[in-house]
N, C-alpha and C. Protein backbone atom coordinates (compact mmCIF):
# COMPACT_ATOMS: atom_id res chain seq x y z
N MET A 1 -48.32 37.11 -276.99
CA MET A 1 -47.92 37.28 -275.60
C MET A 1 -48.99 38.01 -274.79
N ASP A 2 -49.75 38.91 -275.46
CA ASP A 2 -50.81 39.62 -274.74
C ASP A 2 -51.85 38.67 -274.16
N TRP A 3 -52.10 37.55 -274.84
CA TRP A 3 -53.11 36.62 -274.36
C TRP A 3 -52.72 36.02 -273.02
N LEU A 4 -51.41 35.93 -272.75
CA LEU A 4 -50.96 35.43 -271.45
C LEU A 4 -51.36 36.37 -270.32
N ILE A 5 -51.33 37.66 -270.60
CA ILE A 5 -51.74 38.65 -269.60
C ILE A 5 -53.22 38.45 -269.27
N TYR A 6 -54.04 38.29 -270.31
CA TYR A 6 -55.46 38.08 -270.10
C TYR A 6 -55.73 36.74 -269.40
N LEU A 7 -54.96 35.74 -269.75
CA LEU A 7 -55.10 34.43 -269.11
C LEU A 7 -54.75 34.51 -267.63
N ALA A 8 -53.69 35.25 -267.29
CA ALA A 8 -53.31 35.42 -265.89
C ALA A 8 -54.39 36.17 -265.12
N ALA A 9 -54.97 37.21 -265.75
CA ALA A 9 -56.06 37.95 -265.10
C ALA A 9 -57.28 37.06 -264.91
N ALA A 10 -57.59 36.23 -265.90
CA ALA A 10 -58.72 35.31 -265.78
C ALA A 10 -58.47 34.28 -264.68
N ALA A 11 -57.24 33.80 -264.58
CA ALA A 11 -56.90 32.84 -263.52
C ALA A 11 -57.11 33.47 -262.15
N SER A 12 -56.76 34.74 -262.03
CA SER A 12 -56.98 35.45 -260.77
C SER A 12 -58.47 35.51 -260.45
N GLY A 13 -59.28 35.80 -261.47
CA GLY A 13 -60.73 35.84 -261.27
C GLY A 13 -61.31 34.49 -260.91
N ILE A 14 -60.78 33.44 -261.52
CA ILE A 14 -61.23 32.08 -261.22
C ILE A 14 -60.89 31.72 -259.78
N ALA A 15 -59.75 32.21 -259.31
CA ALA A 15 -59.32 31.90 -257.95
C ALA A 15 -60.15 32.63 -256.89
N ASN A 16 -60.77 33.75 -257.24
CA ASN A 16 -61.49 34.55 -256.24
C ASN A 16 -62.56 33.77 -255.48
N PRO A 17 -63.49 33.08 -256.16
CA PRO A 17 -64.49 32.34 -255.37
C PRO A 17 -63.89 31.19 -254.57
N ALA A 18 -62.84 30.56 -255.11
CA ALA A 18 -62.18 29.49 -254.35
C ALA A 18 -61.51 30.05 -253.10
N GLN A 19 -60.88 31.20 -253.24
CA GLN A 19 -60.24 31.85 -252.09
C GLN A 19 -61.28 32.23 -251.05
N ALA A 20 -62.38 32.84 -251.50
CA ALA A 20 -63.43 33.23 -250.55
C ALA A 20 -64.00 32.00 -249.85
N GLY A 21 -64.20 30.92 -250.59
CA GLY A 21 -64.72 29.70 -249.99
C GLY A 21 -63.77 29.09 -248.98
N ALA A 22 -62.49 29.03 -249.34
CA ALA A 22 -61.48 28.48 -248.42
C ALA A 22 -61.39 29.33 -247.16
N ASN A 23 -61.35 30.64 -247.33
CA ASN A 23 -61.24 31.53 -246.17
C ASN A 23 -62.48 31.44 -245.28
N ALA A 24 -63.65 31.38 -245.91
CA ALA A 24 -64.89 31.29 -245.13
C ALA A 24 -64.98 29.96 -244.39
N GLN A 25 -64.53 28.88 -245.03
CA GLN A 25 -64.55 27.58 -244.36
C GLN A 25 -63.57 27.55 -243.19
N LEU A 26 -62.43 28.21 -243.35
CA LEU A 26 -61.47 28.31 -242.25
C LEU A 26 -62.11 29.02 -241.06
N ARG A 27 -62.85 30.10 -241.34
CA ARG A 27 -63.54 30.81 -240.26
C ARG A 27 -64.61 29.93 -239.63
N LYS A 28 -65.36 29.22 -240.45
CA LYS A 28 -66.42 28.36 -239.94
C LYS A 28 -65.83 27.23 -239.08
N SER A 29 -64.75 26.65 -239.54
CA SER A 29 -64.12 25.53 -238.81
C SER A 29 -63.48 25.97 -237.51
N THR A 30 -62.90 27.17 -237.50
CA THR A 30 -62.23 27.66 -236.30
C THR A 30 -63.14 28.51 -235.43
N ASP A 31 -64.26 28.96 -236.00
CA ASP A 31 -65.19 29.85 -235.33
C ASP A 31 -64.50 31.14 -234.88
N HIS A 32 -63.56 31.63 -235.71
CA HIS A 32 -62.83 32.83 -235.35
C HIS A 32 -62.38 33.57 -236.62
N ALA A 33 -63.04 34.67 -236.93
CA ALA A 33 -62.76 35.41 -238.16
C ALA A 33 -61.35 36.01 -238.17
N ILE A 34 -60.95 36.62 -237.08
CA ILE A 34 -59.64 37.30 -237.06
C ILE A 34 -58.51 36.28 -237.12
N PHE A 35 -58.64 35.18 -236.39
CA PHE A 35 -57.63 34.12 -236.49
C PHE A 35 -57.51 33.64 -237.93
N SER A 36 -58.64 33.47 -238.59
CA SER A 36 -58.64 33.04 -239.98
C SER A 36 -57.90 34.02 -240.87
N ALA A 37 -58.13 35.31 -240.66
CA ALA A 37 -57.43 36.33 -241.45
C ALA A 37 -55.93 36.28 -241.19
N VAL A 38 -55.54 36.07 -239.94
CA VAL A 38 -54.11 35.96 -239.62
C VAL A 38 -53.49 34.79 -240.38
N VAL A 39 -54.17 33.65 -240.39
CA VAL A 39 -53.67 32.47 -241.12
C VAL A 39 -53.55 32.78 -242.61
N VAL A 40 -54.57 33.43 -243.16
CA VAL A 40 -54.56 33.78 -244.59
C VAL A 40 -53.35 34.65 -244.92
N TYR A 41 -53.13 35.70 -244.14
CA TYR A 41 -52.04 36.62 -244.44
C TYR A 41 -50.67 36.07 -244.07
N LEU A 42 -50.60 35.26 -243.03
CA LEU A 42 -49.32 34.65 -242.68
C LEU A 42 -48.88 33.66 -243.76
N SER A 43 -49.81 32.85 -244.23
CA SER A 43 -49.46 31.90 -245.30
C SER A 43 -49.11 32.65 -246.58
N GLY A 44 -49.81 33.73 -246.86
CA GLY A 44 -49.48 34.56 -248.02
C GLY A 44 -48.11 35.20 -247.89
N LEU A 45 -47.79 35.68 -246.69
CA LEU A 45 -46.48 36.30 -246.44
C LEU A 45 -45.36 35.29 -246.65
N ILE A 46 -45.56 34.08 -246.16
CA ILE A 46 -44.55 33.03 -246.34
C ILE A 46 -44.32 32.77 -247.83
N CYS A 47 -45.39 32.69 -248.60
CA CYS A 47 -45.26 32.47 -250.05
C CYS A 47 -44.55 33.62 -250.74
N VAL A 48 -44.90 34.85 -250.39
CA VAL A 48 -44.27 36.02 -251.01
C VAL A 48 -42.79 36.09 -250.65
N LEU A 49 -42.45 35.80 -249.41
CA LEU A 49 -41.04 35.81 -249.01
C LEU A 49 -40.26 34.72 -249.74
N ALA A 50 -40.87 33.57 -249.94
CA ALA A 50 -40.21 32.50 -250.72
C ALA A 50 -39.99 32.95 -252.16
N LEU A 51 -40.99 33.60 -252.74
CA LEU A 51 -40.84 34.13 -254.10
C LEU A 51 -39.72 35.17 -254.16
N GLN A 52 -39.63 36.01 -253.13
CA GLN A 52 -38.57 37.01 -253.08
C GLN A 52 -37.20 36.34 -253.07
N LEU A 53 -37.05 35.31 -252.27
CA LEU A 53 -35.78 34.59 -252.22
C LEU A 53 -35.45 33.93 -253.55
N LEU A 54 -36.45 33.33 -254.17
CA LEU A 54 -36.22 32.66 -255.46
C LEU A 54 -35.92 33.65 -256.58
N SER A 55 -36.52 34.83 -256.52
CA SER A 55 -36.31 35.82 -257.59
C SER A 55 -34.95 36.50 -257.50
N ARG A 56 -34.39 36.51 -256.30
CA ARG A 56 -33.09 37.14 -256.05
C ARG A 56 -33.07 38.64 -256.39
N GLN A 57 -34.23 39.25 -256.35
CA GLN A 57 -34.30 40.70 -256.57
C GLN A 57 -33.85 41.41 -255.30
N THR A 58 -33.23 42.56 -255.48
CA THR A 58 -32.85 43.35 -254.31
C THR A 58 -34.05 44.18 -253.87
N TRP A 59 -34.09 44.48 -252.58
CA TRP A 59 -35.16 45.31 -252.04
C TRP A 59 -34.93 46.76 -252.47
N PRO A 60 -35.99 47.55 -252.59
CA PRO A 60 -35.81 48.96 -252.95
C PRO A 60 -35.07 49.72 -251.85
N ASN A 61 -34.32 50.73 -252.26
CA ASN A 61 -33.57 51.53 -251.27
C ASN A 61 -34.48 52.59 -250.65
N GLY A 62 -33.97 53.27 -249.64
CA GLY A 62 -34.74 54.27 -248.91
C GLY A 62 -35.25 55.40 -249.78
N ALA A 63 -34.42 55.86 -250.73
CA ALA A 63 -34.84 56.95 -251.62
C ALA A 63 -36.04 56.51 -252.46
N LYS A 64 -36.01 55.29 -252.94
CA LYS A 64 -37.11 54.76 -253.74
C LYS A 64 -38.38 54.67 -252.90
N LEU A 65 -38.23 54.21 -251.66
CA LEU A 65 -39.38 54.09 -250.76
C LEU A 65 -39.96 55.46 -250.40
N ALA A 66 -39.09 56.46 -250.29
CA ALA A 66 -39.55 57.81 -249.95
C ALA A 66 -40.39 58.42 -251.06
N ASP A 67 -40.22 57.94 -252.29
CA ASP A 67 -40.97 58.47 -253.43
C ASP A 67 -42.35 57.84 -253.60
N VAL A 68 -42.66 56.84 -252.79
CA VAL A 68 -43.95 56.15 -252.92
C VAL A 68 -45.06 57.06 -252.41
N PRO A 69 -46.14 57.27 -253.20
CA PRO A 69 -47.26 58.09 -252.70
C PRO A 69 -47.88 57.45 -251.46
N TRP A 70 -48.40 58.28 -250.56
CA TRP A 70 -48.94 57.78 -249.29
C TRP A 70 -50.00 56.72 -249.51
N TRP A 71 -50.87 56.91 -250.51
CA TRP A 71 -51.99 56.00 -250.71
C TRP A 71 -51.54 54.63 -251.24
N ALA A 72 -50.34 54.55 -251.78
CA ALA A 72 -49.85 53.28 -252.31
C ALA A 72 -49.53 52.29 -251.18
N TRP A 73 -49.38 52.79 -249.97
CA TRP A 73 -49.12 51.93 -248.81
C TRP A 73 -50.41 51.32 -248.24
N MET A 74 -51.56 51.70 -248.77
CA MET A 74 -52.84 51.29 -248.20
C MET A 74 -53.37 49.96 -248.75
N GLY A 75 -52.69 49.37 -249.72
CA GLY A 75 -53.17 48.13 -250.34
C GLY A 75 -53.41 47.01 -249.36
N GLY A 76 -52.53 46.86 -248.38
CA GLY A 76 -52.70 45.80 -247.39
C GLY A 76 -53.94 45.99 -246.55
N ILE A 77 -54.20 47.23 -246.17
CA ILE A 77 -55.40 47.53 -245.37
C ILE A 77 -56.66 47.24 -246.18
N LEU A 78 -56.66 47.67 -247.44
CA LEU A 78 -57.80 47.41 -248.30
C LEU A 78 -57.97 45.91 -248.53
N SER A 79 -56.87 45.21 -248.65
CA SER A 79 -56.92 43.76 -248.84
C SER A 79 -57.52 43.06 -247.62
N ILE A 80 -57.19 43.55 -246.43
CA ILE A 80 -57.75 42.97 -245.21
C ILE A 80 -59.27 43.17 -245.18
N ALA A 81 -59.73 44.34 -245.57
CA ALA A 81 -61.17 44.59 -245.61
C ALA A 81 -61.85 43.61 -246.56
N SER A 82 -61.26 43.40 -247.71
CA SER A 82 -61.80 42.46 -248.69
C SER A 82 -61.78 41.03 -248.16
N THR A 83 -60.68 40.64 -247.56
CA THR A 83 -60.56 39.29 -247.01
C THR A 83 -61.56 39.06 -245.88
N MET A 84 -61.70 40.03 -244.99
CA MET A 84 -62.66 39.89 -243.88
C MET A 84 -64.09 39.79 -244.40
N ALA A 85 -64.40 40.52 -245.47
CA ALA A 85 -65.73 40.40 -246.07
C ALA A 85 -65.96 38.98 -246.58
N GLY A 86 -64.96 38.42 -247.25
CA GLY A 86 -65.08 37.05 -247.73
C GLY A 86 -65.20 36.05 -246.60
N ILE A 87 -64.40 36.24 -245.57
CA ILE A 87 -64.41 35.32 -244.42
C ILE A 87 -65.77 35.32 -243.74
N THR A 88 -66.39 36.48 -243.62
CA THR A 88 -67.63 36.58 -242.85
C THR A 88 -68.90 36.51 -243.70
N LEU A 89 -68.81 36.79 -245.01
CA LEU A 89 -70.03 36.90 -245.81
C LEU A 89 -70.19 35.87 -246.92
N ALA A 90 -69.10 35.32 -247.43
CA ALA A 90 -69.17 34.49 -248.64
C ALA A 90 -70.12 33.30 -248.49
N GLN A 91 -70.00 32.56 -247.41
CA GLN A 91 -70.87 31.38 -247.25
C GLN A 91 -72.32 31.77 -246.97
N LYS A 92 -72.52 32.91 -246.32
CA LYS A 92 -73.89 33.36 -246.05
C LYS A 92 -74.60 33.77 -247.34
N LEU A 93 -73.88 34.50 -248.20
CA LEU A 93 -74.48 35.00 -249.44
C LEU A 93 -74.47 33.96 -250.55
N GLY A 94 -73.54 33.04 -250.50
CA GLY A 94 -73.33 32.09 -251.59
C GLY A 94 -72.23 32.62 -252.50
N SER A 95 -71.55 31.71 -253.16
CA SER A 95 -70.42 32.09 -254.00
C SER A 95 -70.83 33.03 -255.14
N GLY A 96 -71.93 32.69 -255.82
CA GLY A 96 -72.36 33.51 -256.95
C GLY A 96 -72.71 34.93 -256.56
N VAL A 97 -73.48 35.08 -255.50
CA VAL A 97 -73.89 36.42 -255.07
C VAL A 97 -72.71 37.19 -254.50
N PHE A 98 -71.92 36.55 -253.63
CA PHE A 98 -70.78 37.25 -253.05
C PHE A 98 -69.80 37.69 -254.13
N THR A 99 -69.42 36.76 -255.00
CA THR A 99 -68.48 37.11 -256.07
C THR A 99 -69.11 38.12 -257.02
N GLY A 100 -70.39 37.96 -257.32
CA GLY A 100 -71.08 38.93 -258.18
C GLY A 100 -71.06 40.33 -257.61
N ILE A 101 -71.31 40.45 -256.32
CA ILE A 101 -71.28 41.77 -255.68
C ILE A 101 -69.88 42.36 -255.75
N THR A 102 -68.87 41.56 -255.40
CA THR A 102 -67.51 42.11 -255.39
C THR A 102 -67.04 42.47 -256.79
N VAL A 103 -67.35 41.64 -257.77
CA VAL A 103 -66.92 41.93 -259.15
C VAL A 103 -67.68 43.13 -259.70
N THR A 104 -68.99 43.19 -259.47
CA THR A 104 -69.78 44.31 -259.98
C THR A 104 -69.36 45.62 -259.33
N ALA A 105 -69.13 45.60 -258.02
CA ALA A 105 -68.65 46.81 -257.34
C ALA A 105 -67.26 47.20 -257.86
N SER A 106 -66.43 46.21 -258.13
CA SER A 106 -65.09 46.49 -258.68
C SER A 106 -65.18 47.12 -260.06
N ILE A 107 -66.07 46.61 -260.90
CA ILE A 107 -66.25 47.19 -262.24
C ILE A 107 -66.72 48.64 -262.13
N ALA A 108 -67.70 48.88 -261.27
CA ALA A 108 -68.23 50.24 -261.12
C ALA A 108 -67.13 51.20 -260.65
N MET A 109 -66.38 50.80 -259.65
CA MET A 109 -65.30 51.67 -259.16
C MET A 109 -64.18 51.79 -260.19
N SER A 110 -63.92 50.72 -260.92
CA SER A 110 -62.87 50.77 -261.94
C SER A 110 -63.20 51.77 -263.03
N ILE A 111 -64.47 51.86 -263.40
CA ILE A 111 -64.89 52.86 -264.39
C ILE A 111 -64.57 54.26 -263.88
N ALA A 112 -64.86 54.51 -262.60
CA ALA A 112 -64.55 55.82 -262.01
C ALA A 112 -63.04 56.05 -261.92
N PHE A 113 -62.29 55.04 -261.46
CA PHE A 113 -60.83 55.18 -261.35
C PHE A 113 -60.22 55.49 -262.71
N ASP A 114 -60.67 54.77 -263.75
CA ASP A 114 -60.15 55.02 -265.10
C ASP A 114 -60.56 56.40 -265.61
N ASN A 115 -61.79 56.77 -265.38
CA ASN A 115 -62.28 58.06 -265.88
C ASN A 115 -61.49 59.23 -265.30
N PHE A 116 -61.20 59.17 -264.02
CA PHE A 116 -60.51 60.28 -263.36
C PHE A 116 -59.00 60.08 -263.24
N GLY A 117 -58.50 58.91 -263.64
CA GLY A 117 -57.07 58.65 -263.54
C GLY A 117 -56.59 58.53 -262.10
N TRP A 118 -57.48 58.10 -261.22
CA TRP A 118 -57.12 57.97 -259.81
C TRP A 118 -56.08 56.87 -259.61
N MET A 119 -55.24 57.03 -258.63
CA MET A 119 -54.25 56.04 -258.20
C MET A 119 -53.33 55.59 -259.32
N GLY A 120 -53.04 56.50 -260.22
CA GLY A 120 -52.06 56.23 -261.27
C GLY A 120 -52.59 55.47 -262.47
N PHE A 121 -53.89 55.18 -262.52
CA PHE A 121 -54.43 54.49 -263.68
C PHE A 121 -54.46 55.42 -264.89
N GLU A 122 -54.20 54.83 -266.06
CA GLU A 122 -54.31 55.58 -267.31
C GLU A 122 -55.78 55.98 -267.48
N ARG A 123 -55.99 57.21 -267.95
CA ARG A 123 -57.36 57.72 -268.08
C ARG A 123 -58.07 57.09 -269.27
N HIS A 124 -59.28 56.62 -269.01
CA HIS A 124 -60.19 56.11 -270.03
C HIS A 124 -61.55 56.70 -269.69
N THR A 125 -62.10 57.46 -270.61
CA THR A 125 -63.37 58.15 -270.38
C THR A 125 -64.48 57.15 -270.05
N ALA A 126 -65.33 57.55 -269.12
CA ALA A 126 -66.50 56.74 -268.76
C ALA A 126 -67.56 56.94 -269.84
N SER A 127 -67.30 56.36 -271.00
CA SER A 127 -68.18 56.50 -272.16
C SER A 127 -69.47 55.71 -271.95
N TRP A 128 -70.44 55.96 -272.81
CA TRP A 128 -71.72 55.26 -272.63
C TRP A 128 -71.56 53.75 -272.75
N PRO A 129 -70.69 53.22 -273.64
CA PRO A 129 -70.54 51.76 -273.65
C PRO A 129 -69.97 51.21 -272.33
N ARG A 130 -69.03 51.94 -271.73
CA ARG A 130 -68.49 51.49 -270.44
C ARG A 130 -69.57 51.55 -269.36
N LEU A 131 -70.32 52.63 -269.34
CA LEU A 131 -71.40 52.75 -268.36
C LEU A 131 -72.48 51.70 -268.59
N ALA A 132 -72.77 51.41 -269.86
CA ALA A 132 -73.75 50.36 -270.18
C ALA A 132 -73.23 49.00 -269.71
N GLY A 133 -71.94 48.77 -269.87
CA GLY A 133 -71.34 47.53 -269.37
C GLY A 133 -71.51 47.40 -267.87
N GLY A 134 -71.31 48.52 -267.15
CA GLY A 134 -71.53 48.52 -265.71
C GLY A 134 -72.98 48.23 -265.36
N ALA A 135 -73.90 48.82 -266.13
CA ALA A 135 -75.33 48.58 -265.89
C ALA A 135 -75.68 47.12 -266.16
N LEU A 136 -75.09 46.53 -267.20
CA LEU A 136 -75.33 45.12 -267.49
C LEU A 136 -74.79 44.23 -266.37
N MET A 137 -73.67 44.63 -265.78
CA MET A 137 -73.14 43.88 -264.63
C MET A 137 -74.15 43.90 -263.48
N ILE A 138 -74.73 45.06 -263.23
CA ILE A 138 -75.73 45.17 -262.16
C ILE A 138 -76.93 44.29 -262.48
N ALA A 139 -77.38 44.31 -263.74
CA ALA A 139 -78.51 43.46 -264.14
C ALA A 139 -78.15 41.98 -263.98
N GLY A 140 -76.95 41.61 -264.36
CA GLY A 140 -76.51 40.23 -264.21
C GLY A 140 -76.45 39.81 -262.75
N LEU A 141 -75.97 40.71 -261.90
CA LEU A 141 -75.93 40.42 -260.47
C LEU A 141 -77.34 40.22 -259.93
N TRP A 142 -78.27 41.06 -260.37
CA TRP A 142 -79.65 40.91 -259.93
C TRP A 142 -80.19 39.53 -260.30
N LEU A 143 -79.89 39.09 -261.53
CA LEU A 143 -80.36 37.77 -261.97
C LEU A 143 -79.74 36.65 -261.14
N VAL A 144 -78.44 36.76 -260.87
CA VAL A 144 -77.76 35.73 -260.07
C VAL A 144 -78.35 35.70 -258.66
N ALA A 145 -78.59 36.87 -258.08
CA ALA A 145 -79.12 36.95 -256.71
C ALA A 145 -80.58 36.50 -256.65
N ARG A 146 -81.33 36.79 -257.69
CA ARG A 146 -82.77 36.52 -257.69
C ARG A 146 -83.08 35.04 -257.91
N PHE A 147 -82.28 34.42 -258.78
CA PHE A 147 -82.59 33.04 -259.16
C PHE A 147 -81.47 32.15 -258.73
């Protein structure tokens, strides 16, 4: 069953360049970055609301919402920054370079988040193999960007 978790994570990674390409093409076709972002999030909202209806889960109550840390509400804002970067930069940089930059930056920050246990992540020490992995990501990005 654990392999399904890894498969789902890999599918998410596979979707990233396709998402960036679709979003960037929407911006190019409409010549409007903000309109494109609105379409992206509106279509996503419709899908999430449909999933909510199909799941028949109840919404959290006020007490549950009051216990949410302030920073946990920031995911949407961070997602918009990421989406806008894809909309405006992906086609200019190319899929390999854009995705390489975002993945490499994510790995670097993930090592820090894990090391310090930020945002509720389980702590994993930034050991030399983890840091070496981050360095190899940077080297790989350089190769993708260079050639």
